[in-house]
PDB file of N, CA and C in Angstrom:
ATOM      1  N   MET A   1      -2.640   8.709  -9.418  1.00  0.00           N
ATOM      2  CA  MET A   1      -3.056   8.160  -8.148  1.00  0.00           C
ATOM      3  C   MET A   1      -4.568   8.316  -8.037  1.00  0.00           C
ATOM      4  N   ASN A   2      -5.229   7.309  -7.511  1.00  0.00           N
ATOM      5  CA  ASN A   2      -6.669   7.328  -7.293  1.00  0.00           C
ATOM      6  C   ASN A   2      -6.904   7.287  -5.789  1.00  0.00           C
ATOM      7  N   VAL A   3      -7.524   8.343  -5.274  1.00  0.00           N
ATOM      8  CA  VAL A   3      -7.855   8.433  -3.853  1.00  0.00           C
ATOM      9  C   VAL A   3      -9.353   8.677  -3.745  1.00  0.00           C
ATOM     10  N   GLN A   4     -10.039   7.881  -2.954  1.00  0.00           N
ATOM     11  CA  GLN A   4     -11.465   8.055  -2.705  1.00  0.00           C
ATOM     12  C   GLN A   4     -11.623   8.910  -1.450  1.00  0.00           C
ATOM     13  N   VAL A   5     -12.549   9.868  -1.495  1.00  0.00           N
ATOM     14  CA  VAL A   5     -12.731  10.802  -0.383  1.00  0.00           C
ATOM     15  C   VAL A   5     -14.203  10.845   0.001  1.00  0.00           C
ATOM     16  N   LEU A   6     -14.475  10.817   1.307  1.00  0.00           N
ATOM     17  CA  LEU A   6     -15.827  11.035   1.822  1.00  0.00           C
ATOM     18  C   LEU A   6     -15.856  12.405   2.476  1.00  0.00           C
ATOM     19  N   ALA A   7     -16.874  13.195   2.119  1.00  0.00           N
ATOM     20  CA  ALA A   7     -17.005  14.543   2.678  1.00  0.00           C
ATOM     21  C   ALA A   7     -18.453  14.771   3.092  1.00  0.00           C
ATOM     22  N   ASP A   8     -18.646  15.674   4.049  1.00  0.00           N
ATOM     23  CA  ASP A   8     -20.004  16.005   4.467  1.00  0.00           C
ATOM     24  C   ASP A   8     -20.587  17.061   3.524  1.00  0.00           C
ATOM     25  N   SER A   9     -21.807  17.483   3.800  1.00  0.00           N
ATOM     26  CA  SER A   9     -22.487  18.432   2.913  1.00  0.00           C
ATOM     27  C   SER A   9     -21.841  19.815   2.896  1.00  0.00           C
ATOM     28  N   PHE A  10     -20.913  20.067   3.812  1.00  0.00           N
ATOM     29  CA  PHE A  10     -20.184  21.335   3.833  1.00  0.00           C
ATOM     30  C   PHE A  10     -18.826  21.218   3.146  1.00  0.00           C
ATOM     31  N   GLY A  11     -18.523  20.027   2.620  1.00  0.00           N
ATOM     32  CA  GLY A  11     -17.256  19.812   1.933  1.00  0.00           C
ATOM     33  C   GLY A  11     -16.103  19.444   2.852  1.00  0.00           C
ATOM     34  N   ARG A  12     -16.397  19.201   4.124  1.00  0.00           N
ATOM     35  CA  ARG A  12     -15.346  18.805   5.065  1.00  0.00           C
ATOM     36  C   ARG A  12     -15.020  17.332   4.873  1.00  0.00           C
ATOM     37  N   ILE A  13     -13.751  17.040   4.694  1.00  0.00           N
ATOM     38  CA  ILE A  13     -13.313  15.662   4.471  1.00  0.00           C
ATOM     39  C   ILE A  13     -13.401  14.876   5.773  1.00  0.00           C
ATOM     40  N   SER A  14     -14.087  13.726   5.707  1.00  0.00           N
ATOM     41  CA  SER A  14     -14.198  12.874   6.890  1.00  0.00           C
ATOM     42  C   SER A  14     -13.388  11.588   6.747  1.00  0.00           C
ATOM     43  N   TRP A  15     -12.986  11.251   5.518  1.00  0.00           N
ATOM     44  CA  TRP A  15     -12.192  10.047   5.288  1.00  0.00           C
ATOM     45  C   TRP A  15     -11.551  10.127   3.918  1.00  0.00           C
ATOM     46  N   ALA A  16     -10.337   9.634   3.800  1.00  0.00           N
ATOM     47  CA  ALA A  16      -9.656   9.508   2.511  1.00  0.00           C
ATOM     48  C   ALA A  16      -8.977   8.141   2.468  1.00  0.00           C
ATOM     49  N   SER A  17      -9.095   7.486   1.341  1.00  0.00           N
ATOM     50  CA  SER A  17      -8.529   6.143   1.192  1.00  0.00           C
ATOM     51  C   SER A  17      -7.030   6.206   0.958  1.00  0.00           C
ATOM     52  N   PRO A  18      -6.363   5.085   1.161  1.00  0.00           N
ATOM     53  CA  PRO A  18      -4.979   4.991   0.697  1.00  0.00           C
ATOM     54  C   PRO A  18      -4.987   5.099  -0.831  1.00  0.00           C
ATOM     55  N   GLY A  19      -3.926   5.611  -1.392  1.00  0.00           N
ATOM     56  CA  GLY A  19      -3.852   5.779  -2.839  1.00  0.00           C
ATOM     57  C   GLY A  19      -3.718   4.457  -3.581  1.00  0.00           C
ATOM     58  N   LEU A  20      -4.366   4.387  -4.723  1.00  0.00           N
ATOM     59  CA  LEU A  20      -4.235   3.258  -5.641  1.00  0.00           C
ATOM     60  C   LEU A  20      -3.638   3.794  -6.940  1.00  0.00           C
ATOM     61  N   PRO A  21      -3.131   2.920  -7.806  1.00  0.00           N
ATOM     62  CA  PRO A  21      -2.581   3.395  -9.077  1.00  0.00           C
ATOM     63  C   PRO A  21      -3.603   4.237  -9.845  1.00  0.00           C
ATOM     64  N   GLY A  22      -3.137   5.244 -10.541  1.00  0.00           N
ATOM     65  CA  GLY A  22      -4.017   6.167 -11.257  1.00  0.00           C
ATOM     66  C   GLY A  22      -4.906   5.517 -12.297  1.00  0.00           C
ATOM     67  N   ALA A  23      -4.498   4.379 -12.840  1.00  0.00           N
ATOM     68  CA  ALA A  23      -5.301   3.692 -13.854  1.00  0.00           C
ATOM     69  C   ALA A  23      -6.486   2.938 -13.249  1.00  0.00           C
ATOM     70  N   THR A  24      -6.583   2.886 -11.924  1.00  0.00           N
ATOM     71  CA  THR A  24      -7.679   2.182 -11.258  1.00  0.00           C
ATOM     72  C   THR A  24      -8.981   2.939 -11.487  1.00  0.00           C
ATOM     73  N   GLN A  25      -9.996   2.250 -11.991  1.00  0.00           N
ATOM     74  CA  GLN A  25     -11.304   2.862 -12.193  1.00  0.00           C
ATOM     75  C   GLN A  25     -11.906   3.238 -10.837  1.00  0.00           C
ATOM     76  N   ASP A  26     -12.676   4.329 -10.801  1.00  0.00           N
ATOM     77  CA  ASP A  26     -13.251   4.801  -9.541  1.00  0.00           C
ATOM     78  C   ASP A  26     -14.135   3.756  -8.866  1.00  0.00           C
ATOM     79  N   LEU A  27     -14.988   3.084  -9.622  1.00  0.00           N
ATOM     80  CA  LEU A  27     -15.863   2.084  -9.016  1.00  0.00           C
ATOM     81  C   LEU A  27     -15.061   0.913  -8.463  1.00  0.00           C
ATOM     82  N   THR A  28     -14.008   0.521  -9.163  1.00  0.00           N
ATOM     83  CA  THR A  28     -13.126  -0.544  -8.684  1.00  0.00           C
ATOM     84  C   THR A  28     -12.466  -0.129  -7.373  1.00  0.00           C
ATOM     85  N   ALA A  29     -11.987   1.108  -7.296  1.00  0.00           N
ATOM     86  CA  ALA A  29     -11.354   1.614  -6.073  1.00  0.00           C
ATOM     87  C   ALA A  29     -12.358   1.670  -4.928  1.00  0.00           C
ATOM     88  N   THR A  30     -13.565   2.123  -5.227  1.00  0.00           N
ATOM     89  CA  THR A  30     -14.606   2.208  -4.202  1.00  0.00           C
ATOM     90  C   THR A  30     -14.915   0.831  -3.632  1.00  0.00           C
ATOM     91  N   ARG A  31     -15.025  -0.142  -4.500  1.00  0.00           N
ATOM     92  CA  ARG A  31     -15.292  -1.514  -4.042  1.00  0.00           C
ATOM     93  C   ARG A  31     -14.100  -2.093  -3.288  1.00  0.00           C
ATOM     94  N   ALA A  32     -12.884  -1.795  -3.735  1.00  0.00           N
ATOM     95  CA  ALA A  32     -11.676  -2.316  -3.079  1.00  0.00           C
ATOM     96  C   ALA A  32     -11.578  -1.842  -1.633  1.00  0.00           C
ATOM     97  N   HIS A  33     -12.068  -0.644  -1.357  1.00  0.00           N
ATOM     98  CA  HIS A  33     -12.007  -0.094  -0.002  1.00  0.00           C
ATOM     99  C   HIS A  33     -13.270  -0.395   0.807  1.00  0.00           C
ATOM    100  N   GLY A  34     -14.216  -1.131   0.214  1.00  0.00           N
ATOM    101  CA  GLY A  34     -15.427  -1.524   0.937  1.00  0.00           C
ATOM    102  C   GLY A  34     -16.409  -0.396   1.173  1.00  0.00           C
ATOM    103  N   LEU A  35     -16.308   0.680   0.401  1.00  0.00           N
ATOM    104  CA  LEU A  35     -17.180   1.834   0.633  1.00  0.00           C
ATOM    105  C   LEU A  35     -18.638   1.561   0.298  1.00  0.00           C
ATOM    106  N   VAL A  36     -18.894   0.841  -0.777  1.00  0.00           N
ATOM    107  CA  VAL A  36     -20.271   0.570  -1.179  1.00  0.00           C
ATOM    108  C   VAL A  36     -21.008  -0.149  -0.053  1.00  0.00           C
ATOM    109  N   GLU A  37     -20.399  -1.185   0.483  1.00  0.00           N
ATOM    110  CA  GLU A  37     -21.022  -1.958   1.556  1.00  0.00           C
ATOM    111  C   GLU A  37     -21.148  -1.139   2.839  1.00  0.00           C
ATOM    112  N   ALA A  38     -20.098  -0.417   3.200  1.00  0.00           N
ATOM    113  CA  ALA A  38     -20.109   0.365   4.444  1.00  0.00           C
ATOM    114  C   ALA A  38     -21.182   1.447   4.414  1.00  0.00           C
ATOM    115  N   LEU A  39     -21.310   2.136   3.294  1.00  0.00           N
ATOM    116  CA  LEU A  39     -22.331   3.180   3.193  1.00  0.00           C
ATOM    117  C   LEU A  39     -23.729   2.577   3.231  1.00  0.00           C
ATOM    118  N   GLY A  40     -23.912   1.444   2.559  1.00  0.00           N
ATOM    119  CA  GLY A  40     -25.210   0.777   2.573  1.00  0.00           C
ATOM    120  C   GLY A  40     -25.604   0.318   3.965  1.00  0.00           C
ATOM    121  N   GLU A  41     -24.653  -0.263   4.690  1.00  0.00           N
ATOM    122  CA  GLU A  41     -24.927  -0.723   6.055  1.00  0.00           C
ATOM    123  C   GLU A  41     -25.259   0.438   6.981  1.00  0.00           C
ATOM    124  N   ALA A  42     -24.671   1.606   6.714  1.00  0.00           N
ATOM    125  CA  ALA A  42     -24.925   2.785   7.540  1.00  0.00           C
ATOM    126  C   ALA A  42     -26.184   3.530   7.104  1.00  0.00           C
ATOM    127  N   GLY A  43     -26.810   3.072   6.009  1.00  0.00           N
ATOM    128  CA  GLY A  43     -28.018   3.725   5.520  1.00  0.00           C
ATOM    129  C   GLY A  43     -27.740   5.070   4.864  1.00  0.00           C
ATOM    130  N   LEU A  44     -26.531   5.248   4.345  1.00  0.00           N
ATOM    131  CA  LEU A  44     -26.154   6.510   3.710  1.00  0.00           C
ATOM    132  C   LEU A  44     -26.182   6.382   2.196  1.00  0.00           C
ATOM    133  N   GLU A  45     -26.479   7.490   1.526  1.00  0.00           N
ATOM    134  CA  GLU A  45     -26.460   7.517   0.071  1.00  0.00           C
ATOM    135  C   GLU A  45     -25.066   7.856  -0.415  1.00  0.00           C
ATOM    136  N   CYS A  46     -24.747   7.373  -1.591  1.00  0.00           N
ATOM    137  CA  CYS A  46     -23.453   7.656  -2.202  1.00  0.00           C
ATOM    138  C   CYS A  46     -23.682   8.477  -3.464  1.00  0.00           C
ATOM    139  N   TRP A  47     -23.061   9.641  -3.534  1.00  0.00           N
ATOM    140  CA  TRP A  47     -23.133  10.494  -4.716  1.00  0.00           C
ATOM    141  C   TRP A  47     -21.757  10.513  -5.345  1.00  0.00           C
ATOM    142  N   ALA A  48     -21.709  10.349  -6.650  1.00  0.00           N
ATOM    143  CA  ALA A  48     -20.426  10.322  -7.349  1.00  0.00           C
ATOM    144  C   ALA A  48     -20.532  11.091  -8.661  1.00  0.00           C
ATOM    145  N   ASP A  49     -19.381  11.493  -9.167  1.00  0.00           N
ATOM    146  CA  ASP A  49     -19.381  12.148 -10.474  1.00  0.00           C
ATOM    147  C   ASP A  49     -19.287  11.103 -11.573  1.00  0.00           C
ATOM    148  N   CYS A  50     -19.456  11.514 -12.800  1.00  0.00           N
ATOM    149  CA  CYS A  50     -19.392  10.566 -13.926  1.00  0.00           C
ATOM    150  C   CYS A  50     -18.056  10.591 -14.638  1.00  0.00           C
ATOM    151  N   ALA A  51     -17.097  11.323 -14.145  1.00  0.00           N
ATOM    152  CA  ALA A  51     -15.808  11.422 -14.838  1.00  0.00           C
ATOM    153  C   ALA A  51     -14.956  10.211 -14.570  1.00  0.00           C
TER     154      ALA A  51
END
């Protein structure tokens, strides 16, 4: 299962996406949930791991 999570700088979860199949690439999942656009519109930076 692939779940995208947004957390604040203290590690508190502020949002979690609905689950997608585990084979879904992270960037594909992020785009499917509109996170890239939403964060950009809000003027927020997106930090992600490389795994």
